[in-house]
């Protein structure tokens, strides 16, 4: 399958990309069929030297069935060579990855809390679900605390074996 994609060049911390047509099985910076332009992300968006395209060759390769990657499609859309692709919807993008998992877990807990509220009598006042979840998280021991709690138990389990081995070695020495 033919792809219109970016091939990275330049030096460390100073990338410059070639817009190339290549087989999708080839390496990103490896073999390509034809160079169709360049893209310099370090220049401001207003400068026309930021992107250089051979529009007639790009149209030819698009007619031959080459598919642009998302980034190249945006570049071509900004230069009116193809319709601008729809922007993606990633509401999680602003949340750090380590916090995303916690949010997913909280969402799965919320329906359970709502079910409990439905079962509880209405006369009784209930606290908001978020406050209850925070208290539940505060009372749960962290992973590190759990490991520390398990470690002494493991040591206790090992000590009788160690004592038995010491006793056996003493008996073996006494026999000699």
C-alpha atoms as a PDB file:
ATOM      1  CA  UNK A   1       0.000   0.000   0.000  1.00  0.00           C
ATOM      2  CA  UNK A   2       1.392   3.395  -0.954  1.00  0.00           C
ATOM      3  CA  UNK A   3       1.571   6.114   1.693  1.00  0.00           C
ATOM      4  CA  UNK A   4       2.308   9.815   1.600  1.00  0.00           C
ATOM      5  CA  UNK A   5       4.249  10.313   4.789  1.00  0.00           C
ATOM      6  CA  UNK A   6       6.976  12.262   6.547  1.00  0.00           C
ATOM      7  CA  UNK A   7      10.558  11.027   6.468  1.00  0.00           C
ATOM      8  CA  UNK A   8      12.696  12.537   9.216  1.00  0.00           C
ATOM      9  CA  UNK A   9      16.009  14.239   8.562  1.00  0.00           C
ATOM     10  CA  UNK A  10      18.026  17.016  10.157  1.00  0.00           C
ATOM     11  CA  UNK A  11      20.161  16.859  13.267  1.00  0.00           C
ATOM     12  CA  UNK A  12      19.562  16.252  16.940  1.00  0.00           C
ATOM     13  CA  UNK A  13      16.819  18.542  18.320  1.00  0.00           C
ATOM     14  CA  UNK A  14      16.437  20.185  14.860  1.00  0.00           C
ATOM     15  CA  UNK A  15      14.109  18.008  12.780  1.00  0.00           C
ATOM     16  CA  UNK A  16      13.338  18.593   9.118  1.00  0.00           C
ATOM     17  CA  UNK A  17      10.956  16.286   7.285  1.00  0.00           C
ATOM     18  CA  UNK A  18      10.681  15.215   3.658  1.00  0.00           C
ATOM     19  CA  UNK A  19       7.206  14.474   2.364  1.00  0.00           C
ATOM     20  CA  UNK A  20       7.633  11.256   0.415  1.00  0.00           C
ATOM     21  CA  UNK A  21       5.595   8.560  -1.249  1.00  0.00           C
ATOM     22  CA  UNK A  22       6.677   5.128   0.008  1.00  0.00           C
ATOM     23  CA  UNK A  23       5.432   1.601   0.431  1.00  0.00           C
ATOM     24  CA  UNK A  24       3.943   1.220   3.918  1.00  0.00           C
ATOM     25  CA  UNK A  25       6.260  -1.750   4.600  1.00  0.00           C
ATOM     26  CA  UNK A  26       9.400   0.364   4.216  1.00  0.00           C
ATOM     27  CA  UNK A  27      11.109   1.967   7.218  1.00  0.00           C
ATOM     28  CA  UNK A  28      10.088   5.514   8.128  1.00  0.00           C
ATOM     29  CA  UNK A  29      13.398   7.043   7.118  1.00  0.00           C
ATOM     30  CA  UNK A  30      14.295   4.302   4.667  1.00  0.00           C
ATOM     31  CA  UNK A  31      13.559   3.636   1.042  1.00  0.00           C
ATOM     32  CA  UNK A  32      10.977   5.774  -0.737  1.00  0.00           C
ATOM     33  CA  UNK A  33       9.655   6.108  -4.269  1.00  0.00           C
ATOM     34  CA  UNK A  34       9.639   9.880  -4.735  1.00  0.00           C
ATOM     35  CA  UNK A  35      10.210  13.039  -2.720  1.00  0.00           C
ATOM     36  CA  UNK A  36       7.175  15.322  -2.956  1.00  0.00           C
ATOM     37  CA  UNK A  37       8.119  18.188  -0.657  1.00  0.00           C
ATOM     38  CA  UNK A  38       9.469  19.200   2.736  1.00  0.00           C
ATOM     39  CA  UNK A  39       8.207  20.349   6.138  1.00  0.00           C
ATOM     40  CA  UNK A  40      10.209  22.369   8.679  1.00  0.00           C
ATOM     41  CA  UNK A  41       8.326  22.447  12.003  1.00  0.00           C
ATOM     42  CA  UNK A  42      10.816  24.858  13.595  1.00  0.00           C
ATOM     43  CA  UNK A  43       9.716  27.802  11.464  1.00  0.00           C
ATOM     44  CA  UNK A  44       6.644  29.872  12.426  1.00  0.00           C
ATOM     45  CA  UNK A  45       3.355  28.877  10.772  1.00  0.00           C
ATOM     46  CA  UNK A  46       3.116  32.202   8.928  1.00  0.00           C
ATOM     47  CA  UNK A  47       6.315  31.667   6.902  1.00  0.00           C
ATOM     48  CA  UNK A  48       5.857  30.084   3.490  1.00  0.00           C
ATOM     49  CA  UNK A  49       9.305  28.413   3.780  1.00  0.00           C
ATOM     50  CA  UNK A  50       7.846  26.114   6.450  1.00  0.00           C
ATOM     51  CA  UNK A  51       6.240  23.827   3.836  1.00  0.00           C
ATOM     52  CA  UNK A  52       7.238  23.166   0.243  1.00  0.00           C
ATOM     53  CA  UNK A  53       5.058  20.919  -1.946  1.00  0.00           C
ATOM     54  CA  UNK A  54       5.045  19.670  -5.532  1.00  0.00           C
ATOM     55  CA  UNK A  55       1.270  19.869  -5.945  1.00  0.00           C
ATOM     56  CA  UNK A  56       1.066  18.251  -9.410  1.00  0.00           C
ATOM     57  CA  UNK A  57       3.033  15.170  -8.260  1.00  0.00           C
ATOM     58  CA  UNK A  58       1.021  14.923  -5.050  1.00  0.00           C
ATOM     59  CA  UNK A  59      -2.231  14.958  -7.040  1.00  0.00           C
ATOM     60  CA  UNK A  60      -0.800  12.271  -9.336  1.00  0.00           C
ATOM     61  CA  UNK A  61       0.094   9.949  -6.448  1.00  0.00           C
ATOM     62  CA  UNK A  62      -3.282  10.542  -4.766  1.00  0.00           C
ATOM     63  CA  UNK A  63      -4.949   9.530  -8.060  1.00  0.00           C
ATOM     64  CA  UNK A  64      -2.796   6.360  -8.075  1.00  0.00           C
ATOM     65  CA  UNK A  65      -4.224   5.358  -4.680  1.00  0.00           C
ATOM     66  CA  UNK A  66      -1.570   6.616  -2.262  1.00  0.00           C
ATOM     67  CA  UNK A  67      -3.038   7.472   1.137  1.00  0.00           C
ATOM     68  CA  UNK A  68      -1.666  10.326   3.252  1.00  0.00           C
ATOM     69  CA  UNK A  69      -0.942   9.842   6.935  1.00  0.00           C
ATOM     70  CA  UNK A  70      -2.865  12.036   9.387  1.00  0.00           C
ATOM     71  CA  UNK A  71      -0.073  14.620   9.700  1.00  0.00           C
ATOM     72  CA  UNK A  72       0.503  14.811   5.927  1.00  0.00           C
ATOM     73  CA  UNK A  73      -3.255  15.053   5.344  1.00  0.00           C
ATOM     74  CA  UNK A  74      -3.325  18.111   7.652  1.00  0.00           C
ATOM     75  CA  UNK A  75      -0.412  19.700   5.775  1.00  0.00           C
ATOM     76  CA  UNK A  76      -2.102  19.041   2.419  1.00  0.00           C
ATOM     77  CA  UNK A  77      -5.421  20.321   3.785  1.00  0.00           C
ATOM     78  CA  UNK A  78      -3.800  23.571   4.946  1.00  0.00           C
ATOM     79  CA  UNK A  79      -2.457  24.033   1.400  1.00  0.00           C
ATOM     80  CA  UNK A  80      -5.868  23.259  -0.205  1.00  0.00           C
ATOM     81  CA  UNK A  81      -4.646  20.145  -2.058  1.00  0.00           C
ATOM     82  CA  UNK A  82      -7.222  17.900  -0.372  1.00  0.00           C
ATOM     83  CA  UNK A  83     -10.157  18.642   1.938  1.00  0.00           C
ATOM     84  CA  UNK A  84      -9.060  19.349   5.496  1.00  0.00           C
ATOM     85  CA  UNK A  85      -9.428  16.155   7.599  1.00  0.00           C
ATOM     86  CA  UNK A  86     -11.774  16.207  10.567  1.00  0.00           C
ATOM     87  CA  UNK A  87     -10.029  16.947  13.841  1.00  0.00           C
ATOM     88  CA  UNK A  88      -9.843  14.055  16.264  1.00  0.00           C
ATOM     89  CA  UNK A  89     -11.631  14.059  19.599  1.00  0.00           C
ATOM     90  CA  UNK A  90      -9.364  13.152  22.480  1.00  0.00           C
ATOM     91  CA  UNK A  91     -10.781  14.556  25.718  1.00  0.00           C
ATOM     92  CA  UNK A  92      -8.073  12.674  27.662  1.00  0.00           C
ATOM     93  CA  UNK A  93      -5.228  14.577  25.976  1.00  0.00           C
ATOM     94  CA  UNK A  94      -4.967  17.254  28.663  1.00  0.00           C
ATOM     95  CA  UNK A  95      -4.868  14.719  31.508  1.00  0.00           C
ATOM     96  CA  UNK A  96      -1.451  13.225  32.392  1.00  0.00           C
ATOM     97  CA  UNK A  97      -1.259   9.499  31.561  1.00  0.00           C
ATOM     98  CA  UNK A  98      -0.718   8.452  35.174  1.00  0.00           C
ATOM     99  CA  UNK A  99      -4.006  10.147  36.155  1.00  0.00           C
ATOM    100  CA  UNK A 100      -6.030   8.741  33.218  1.00  0.00           C
ATOM    101  CA  UNK A 101      -6.192   5.255  34.706  1.00  0.00           C
ATOM    102  CA  UNK A 102      -7.493   6.640  37.994  1.00  0.00           C
ATOM    103  CA  UNK A 103     -10.263   8.503  36.167  1.00  0.00           C
ATOM    104  CA  UNK A 104     -11.299   5.335  34.327  1.00  0.00           C
ATOM    105  CA  UNK A 105     -11.454   3.452  37.630  1.00  0.00           C
ATOM    106  CA  UNK A 106     -13.513   6.248  39.207  1.00  0.00           C
ATOM    107  CA  UNK A 107     -16.001   6.126  36.332  1.00  0.00           C
ATOM    108  CA  UNK A 108     -16.513   2.390  36.812  1.00  0.00           C
ATOM    109  CA  UNK A 109     -17.115   2.942  40.557  1.00  0.00           C
ATOM    110  CA  UNK A 110     -19.737   5.671  40.077  1.00  0.00           C
ATOM    111  CA  UNK A 111     -22.494   3.401  38.687  1.00  0.00           C
ATOM    112  CA  UNK A 112     -22.027   1.062  41.660  1.00  0.00           C
ATOM    113  CA  UNK A 113     -22.407   3.976  44.068  1.00  0.00           C
ATOM    114  CA  UNK A 114     -25.589   5.053  42.292  1.00  0.00           C
ATOM    115  CA  UNK A 115     -27.033   1.546  42.625  1.00  0.00           C
ATOM    116  CA  UNK A 116     -26.329   1.588  46.363  1.00  0.00           C
ATOM    117  CA  UNK A 117     -28.083   4.953  46.673  1.00  0.00           C
ATOM    118  CA  UNK A 118     -31.148   3.565  44.929  1.00  0.00           C
ATOM    119  CA  UNK A 119     -31.269   0.647  47.369  1.00  0.00           C
ATOM    120  CA  UNK A 120     -30.799   2.845  50.445  1.00  0.00           C
ATOM    121  CA  UNK A 121     -33.901   4.474  51.939  1.00  0.00           C
ATOM    122  CA  UNK A 122     -34.522   8.013  50.741  1.00  0.00           C
ATOM    123  CA  UNK A 123     -35.105   9.377  54.258  1.00  0.00           C
ATOM    124  CA  UNK A 124     -31.460   8.808  55.051  1.00  0.00           C
ATOM    125  CA  UNK A 125     -29.194  11.586  53.830  1.00  0.00           C
ATOM    126  CA  UNK A 126     -26.278  10.392  51.712  1.00  0.00           C
ATOM    127  CA  UNK A 127     -23.058  12.212  50.996  1.00  0.00           C
ATOM    128  CA  UNK A 128     -22.028  12.967  47.423  1.00  0.00           C
ATOM    129  CA  UNK A 129     -20.395  10.049  45.601  1.00  0.00           C
ATOM    130  CA  UNK A 130     -17.128  11.889  45.032  1.00  0.00           C
ATOM    131  CA  UNK A 131     -16.665  12.597  48.741  1.00  0.00           C
ATOM    132  CA  UNK A 132     -17.355   8.938  49.559  1.00  0.00           C
ATOM    133  CA  UNK A 133     -14.860   7.772  46.924  1.00  0.00           C
ATOM    134  CA  UNK A 134     -12.161  10.082  48.269  1.00  0.00           C
ATOM    135  CA  UNK A 135     -12.706   8.745  51.786  1.00  0.00           C
ATOM    136  CA  UNK A 136     -12.621   5.161  50.501  1.00  0.00           C
ATOM    137  CA  UNK A 137      -9.356   5.831  48.658  1.00  0.00           C
ATOM    138  CA  UNK A 138      -7.885   7.466  51.773  1.00  0.00           C
ATOM    139  CA  UNK A 139      -8.740   4.428  53.931  1.00  0.00           C
ATOM    140  CA  UNK A 140      -7.367   1.908  51.414  1.00  0.00           C
ATOM    141  CA  UNK A 141      -3.697   1.142  51.954  1.00  0.00           C
ATOM    142  CA  UNK A 142      -1.453   2.085  49.058  1.00  0.00           C
ATOM    143  CA  UNK A 143       0.457  -0.539  47.067  1.00  0.00           C
ATOM    144  CA  UNK A 144       3.673   0.286  48.889  1.00  0.00           C
ATOM    145  CA  UNK A 145       2.006  -0.144  52.282  1.00  0.00           C
ATOM    146  CA  UNK A 146       0.560  -3.489  51.171  1.00  0.00           C
ATOM    147  CA  UNK A 147       4.012  -4.703  50.111  1.00  0.00           C
ATOM    148  CA  UNK A 148       5.480  -3.606  53.449  1.00  0.00           C
ATOM    149  CA  UNK A 149       2.714  -5.435  55.284  1.00  0.00           C
ATOM    150  CA  UNK A 150       3.331  -8.611  53.259  1.00  0.00           C
ATOM    151  CA  UNK A 151       7.117  -8.494  53.744  1.00  0.00           C
ATOM    152  CA  UNK A 152       7.130  -9.263  57.525  1.00  0.00           C
ATOM    153  CA  UNK A 153       4.732 -12.157  56.938  1.00  0.00           C
ATOM    154  CA  UNK A 154       7.101 -13.587  54.355  1.00  0.00           C
ATOM    155  CA  UNK A 155      10.038 -13.236  56.778  1.00  0.00           C
ATOM    156  CA  UNK A 156       8.081 -15.019  59.511  1.00  0.00           C
ATOM    157  CA  UNK A 157       7.336 -17.851  57.115  1.00  0.00           C
ATOM    158  CA  UNK A 158      11.035 -18.194  56.194  1.00  0.00           C
ATOM    159  CA  UNK A 159      12.453 -18.081  59.750  1.00  0.00           C
ATOM    160  CA  UNK A 160      11.294 -21.565  60.863  1.00  0.00           C
ATOM    161  CA  UNK A 161      12.918 -23.109  57.802  1.00  0.00           C
ATOM    162  CA  UNK A 162      16.141 -21.276  58.483  1.00  0.00           C
ATOM    163  CA  UNK A 163      16.103 -22.426  62.114  1.00  0.00           C
ATOM    164  CA  UNK A 164      15.487 -26.036  61.034  1.00  0.00           C
ATOM    165  CA  UNK A 165      18.470 -25.906  58.641  1.00  0.00           C
ATOM    166  CA  UNK A 166      20.703 -24.497  61.374  1.00  0.00           C
ATOM    167  CA  UNK A 167      19.608 -27.279  63.721  1.00  0.00           C
ATOM    168  CA  UNK A 168      20.318 -29.913  61.049  1.00  0.00           C
ATOM    169  CA  UNK A 169      23.796 -28.522  60.387  1.00  0.00           C
ATOM    170  CA  UNK A 170      24.583 -28.522  64.134  1.00  0.00           C
ATOM    171  CA  UNK A 171      23.436 -32.155  64.403  1.00  0.00           C
ATOM    172  CA  UNK A 172      25.572 -33.067  61.371  1.00  0.00           C
ATOM    173  CA  UNK A 173      28.646 -31.447  62.951  1.00  0.00           C
ATOM    174  CA  UNK A 174      28.023 -33.216  66.278  1.00  0.00           C
ATOM    175  CA  UNK A 175      27.876 -36.590  64.510  1.00  0.00           C
ATOM    176  CA  UNK A 176      31.294 -36.039  62.963  1.00  0.00           C
END
